[in-house]
Protein backbone atom coordinates (compact mmCIF):
# COMPACT_ATOMS: atom_id res chain seq x y z
CA UNK A 1 7.65 -1.67 -5.64
CA UNK A 2 9.89 -0.90 -2.57
CA UNK A 3 12.00 2.23 -3.89
CA UNK A 4 9.36 4.25 -5.43
CA UNK A 5 8.20 5.39 -8.66
CA UNK A 6 10.22 7.82 -10.82
CA UNK A 7 8.36 11.14 -12.06
CA UNK A 8 10.59 13.43 -14.02
CA UNK A 9 9.27 16.20 -16.01
CA UNK A 10 11.27 19.23 -17.33
CA UNK A 11 14.36 18.23 -15.36
CA UNK A 12 12.51 18.21 -12.17
CA UNK A 13 12.56 14.52 -10.80
CA UNK A 14 10.94 13.29 -7.89
CA UNK A 15 10.57 9.60 -6.44
CA UNK A 16 6.87 8.72 -5.38
CA UNK A 17 7.04 6.24 -2.61
CA UNK A 18 3.99 4.02 -1.79
CA UNK A 19 4.44 4.29 1.91
CA UNK A 20 1.86 3.17 4.48
CA UNK A 21 1.36 6.74 5.41
CA UNK A 22 0.73 7.89 1.75
CA UNK A 23 -1.35 4.96 0.92
CA UNK A 24 -3.69 5.39 4.05
CA UNK A 25 -4.07 9.33 3.36
CA UNK A 26 -4.74 8.66 -0.48
CA UNK A 27 -7.20 5.89 0.31
CA UNK A 28 -9.30 8.29 2.31
CA UNK A 29 -8.93 11.37 0.05
CA UNK A 30 -12.01 10.36 -1.95
CA UNK A 31 -13.39 7.52 0.18
CA UNK A 32 -11.67 4.72 -1.58
CA UNK A 33 -9.37 3.56 -4.16
CA UNK A 34 -11.94 3.39 -7.08
CA UNK A 35 -12.82 7.06 -6.95
CA UNK A 36 -9.40 7.86 -6.40
CA UNK A 37 -8.25 6.21 -9.60
CA UNK A 38 -11.19 7.91 -11.43
CA UNK A 39 -9.85 11.32 -10.36
CA UNK A 40 -6.31 10.34 -11.32
CA UNK A 41 -7.71 9.20 -14.85
CA UNK A 42 -9.57 12.52 -15.13
CA UNK A 43 -6.26 14.20 -14.04
CA UNK A 44 -7.98 16.31 -11.46
CA UNK A 45 -5.41 18.76 -10.40
CA UNK A 46 -6.26 18.58 -6.66
CA UNK A 47 -6.08 14.86 -6.38
CA UNK A 48 -2.61 14.97 -8.52
CA UNK A 49 -1.35 17.48 -6.24
CA UNK A 50 -2.13 15.50 -3.26
CA UNK A 51 -0.72 12.41 -4.51
CA UNK A 52 2.54 14.09 -5.17
CA UNK A 53 2.74 15.86 -1.76
CA UNK A 54 1.70 12.81 0.07
CA UNK A 55 4.32 10.43 -1.74
CA UNK A 56 7.32 12.49 -2.46
CA UNK A 57 10.05 14.51 -0.32
CA UNK A 58 8.75 17.78 0.71
CA UNK A 59 11.42 19.68 -1.09
CA UNK A 60 11.09 17.61 -4.33
CA UNK A 61 7.24 17.96 -4.36
CA UNK A 62 7.52 21.65 -3.98
CA UNK A 63 10.05 22.11 -6.56
CA UNK A 64 8.06 19.94 -9.06
CA UNK A 65 4.69 21.62 -8.41
CA UNK A 66 6.31 25.16 -8.79
CA UNK A 67 7.52 24.36 -12.15
CA UNK A 68 4.36 22.57 -13.33
CA UNK A 69 2.32 25.62 -12.40
CA UNK A 70 4.08 27.60 -15.24
CA UNK A 71 3.79 24.60 -17.80
CA UNK A 72 0.72 23.32 -20.01
CA UNK A 73 -1.39 20.95 -18.13
CA UNK A 74 -1.71 18.47 -21.01
CA UNK A 75 2.21 18.00 -21.33
CA UNK A 76 2.29 17.37 -17.54
CA UNK A 77 -0.50 14.96 -17.61
CA UNK A 78 1.34 12.84 -20.36
CA UNK A 79 4.34 12.75 -18.07
CA UNK A 80 2.61 12.01 -14.83
CA UNK A 81 -0.32 9.96 -15.19
CA UNK A 82 1.45 6.45 -15.87
CA UNK A 83 3.75 7.04 -12.94
CA UNK A 84 0.96 7.97 -10.56
CA UNK A 85 -1.08 4.91 -11.58
CA UNK A 86 2.03 2.63 -11.05
CA UNK A 87 2.19 4.32 -7.67
CA UNK A 88 -1.32 3.45 -6.59
CA UNK A 89 -0.83 0.00 -7.90
CA UNK A 90 2.23 -0.50 -5.68
CA UNK A 91 -0.06 0.64 -2.69
CA UNK A 92 -2.07 -2.60 -2.80
CA UNK A 93 -0.04 -5.70 -1.49
CA UNK A 94 0.37 -8.57 -3.89
CA UNK A 95 -1.57 -11.61 -3.04
CA UNK A 96 0.43 -14.66 -2.18
CA UNK A 97 1.54 -16.18 -5.49
CA UNK A 98 0.42 -19.80 -4.57
CA UNK A 99 -3.18 -18.15 -3.58
CA UNK A 100 -6.20 -20.74 -4.25
CA UNK A 101 -8.88 -19.76 -6.70
CA UNK A 102 -11.66 -20.37 -4.06
CA UNK A 103 -14.00 -17.72 -3.35
CA UNK A 104 -13.28 -15.99 0.25
CA UNK A 105 -15.80 -16.97 2.89
CA UNK A 106 -15.36 -13.77 4.94
CA UNK A 107 -16.67 -10.25 4.42
CA UNK A 108 -14.28 -7.92 2.38
CA UNK A 109 -12.01 -5.72 4.47
CA UNK A 110 -11.89 -2.19 3.84
CA UNK A 111 -8.61 -0.85 2.49
CA UNK A 112 -8.41 1.61 5.48
CA UNK A 113 -8.75 -1.24 8.03
CA UNK A 114 -6.15 -3.32 6.07
CA UNK A 115 -3.70 -0.43 6.51
CA UNK A 116 -4.53 -0.34 10.21
CA UNK A 117 -3.84 -3.98 10.31
CA UNK A 118 -0.49 -3.49 8.69
CA UNK A 119 0.40 -0.57 10.93
CA UNK A 120 -0.33 -2.89 13.98
CA UNK A 121 1.54 -5.71 12.56
CA UNK A 122 4.72 -3.67 12.00
CA UNK A 123 4.52 -1.95 15.29
CA UNK A 124 3.19 -4.90 17.50
CA UNK A 125 4.40 -8.22 16.10
CA UNK A 126 7.46 -6.84 14.26
CA UNK A 127 8.42 -4.32 16.82
CA UNK A 128 9.13 -1.42 14.45
CA UNK A 129 8.74 2.22 15.73
CA UNK A 130 5.87 4.16 14.71
CA UNK A 131 7.85 6.46 12.00
CA UNK A 132 9.33 3.26 10.41
CA UNK A 133 5.98 1.50 9.94
CA UNK A 134 4.34 4.73 8.18
CA UNK A 135 7.31 4.98 6.12
CA UNK A 136 7.47 1.55 5.02
CA UNK A 137 5.27 0.23 2.04
CA UNK A 138 2.42 -2.07 2.71
CA UNK A 139 4.20 -4.70 0.53
CA UNK A 140 7.42 -4.42 2.87
CA UNK A 141 5.27 -4.81 5.82
CA UNK A 142 3.32 -7.84 4.43
CA UNK A 143 6.63 -9.49 3.30
CA UNK A 144 8.46 -8.70 6.57
CA UNK A 145 5.47 -10.40 8.65
CA UNK A 146 5.45 -13.50 6.41
CA UNK A 147 9.09 -13.88 7.05
CA UNK A 148 8.60 -13.40 10.81
CA UNK A 149 5.90 -16.05 10.78
CA UNK A 150 8.21 -18.36 8.79
CA UNK A 151 10.92 -17.88 11.40
CA UNK A 152 8.59 -18.62 14.33
CA UNK A 153 7.42 -21.96 12.55
CA UNK A 154 11.16 -22.90 11.86
CA UNK A 155 11.93 -22.16 15.61
CA UNK A 156 8.80 -23.34 17.46
CA UNK A 157 7.31 -25.72 14.90
CA UNK A 158 3.46 -26.43 15.45
CA UNK A 159 3.58 -24.88 18.87
CA UNK A 160 1.64 -22.02 20.03
CA UNK A 161 3.92 -18.90 20.20
CA UNK A 162 3.19 -15.25 20.83
CA UNK A 163 6.63 -13.79 20.90
CA UNK A 164 5.72 -10.15 20.61
CA UNK A 165 2.94 -7.93 22.49
CA UNK A 166 -0.46 -8.06 20.97
CA UNK A 167 -0.81 -5.31 18.21
CA UNK A 168 -3.65 -3.01 17.55
CA UNK A 169 -4.66 -5.67 14.88
CA UNK A 170 -7.78 -7.50 15.66
CA UNK A 171 -6.41 -10.84 14.55
CA UNK A 172 -6.04 -13.52 17.07
CA UNK A 173 -2.80 -15.53 17.12
CA UNK A 174 -4.64 -18.62 15.93
CA UNK A 175 -6.23 -16.42 13.06
CA UNK A 176 -2.77 -15.30 12.06
CA UNK A 177 -1.64 -18.86 11.93
CA UNK A 178 -4.61 -20.08 9.92
CA UNK A 179 -3.95 -17.25 7.49
CA UNK A 180 -0.50 -18.18 7.22
CA UNK A 181 -1.12 -21.79 6.79
CA UNK A 182 -3.91 -21.28 4.05
CA UNK A 183 -1.88 -18.55 2.32
CA UNK A 184 -4.50 -16.09 2.18
CA UNK A 185 -6.62 -14.02 4.34
CA UNK A 186 -10.39 -14.71 3.51
CA UNK A 187 -11.28 -11.24 4.81
CA UNK A 188 -9.25 -9.55 2.03
CA UNK A 189 -11.62 -8.84 -1.13
CA UNK A 190 -9.01 -10.53 -3.61
CA UNK A 191 -11.51 -10.03 -6.53
CA UNK A 192 -11.61 -6.39 -5.81
CA UNK A 193 -7.80 -6.10 -5.41
CA UNK A 194 -7.27 -7.72 -8.81
CA UNK A 195 -9.81 -5.43 -10.35
CA UNK A 196 -8.20 -2.51 -8.92
CA UNK A 197 -4.77 -3.32 -9.89
CA UNK A 198 -5.90 -4.10 -13.35
CA UNK A 199 -7.58 -0.46 -13.31
CA UNK A 200 -4.25 0.98 -12.16
CA UNK A 201 -2.46 -0.51 -14.91
CA UNK A 202 -4.31 1.13 -17.66
């Protein structure tokens, strides 16, 4: 999801965008996505408010929340819960489509670190300004970096290439090339990602 998820309630429409900034803040809200999803399924009002505030334009979020405060909570839950779960699902980058079924050999990488890595790739390797990186979605950054590596391979072949300044990412050039060649990063907990994405589609 690049454009965001629409949430329309009582004529108040907002677009919930799964930006890197929103994903990073929401992942920290309850110390991880599993607890966040549980709170959303419970329709915890503090959590729902944070999701809308972090992912929508300020004026849209304010208008919607002011309207919601005067309405029955149950009807808002029916309208908002599914779009919010789709938003969280969109914050988890899709694994490569040709990913192998072998079990990862590395330690699972916490999502907080994944998002730091993505920010480093966007600002360091891709050369995006920090605001552009924070406003992009994790999937946009992942896809752009994949395309960037493909471009380097087309230009340089198998030769060593480090065209951009080192980012804050802890990956070395060799590690990044190996990840691209294998089509997956063994440090990502893919099983957990699939489980979370399945939970988000309930």
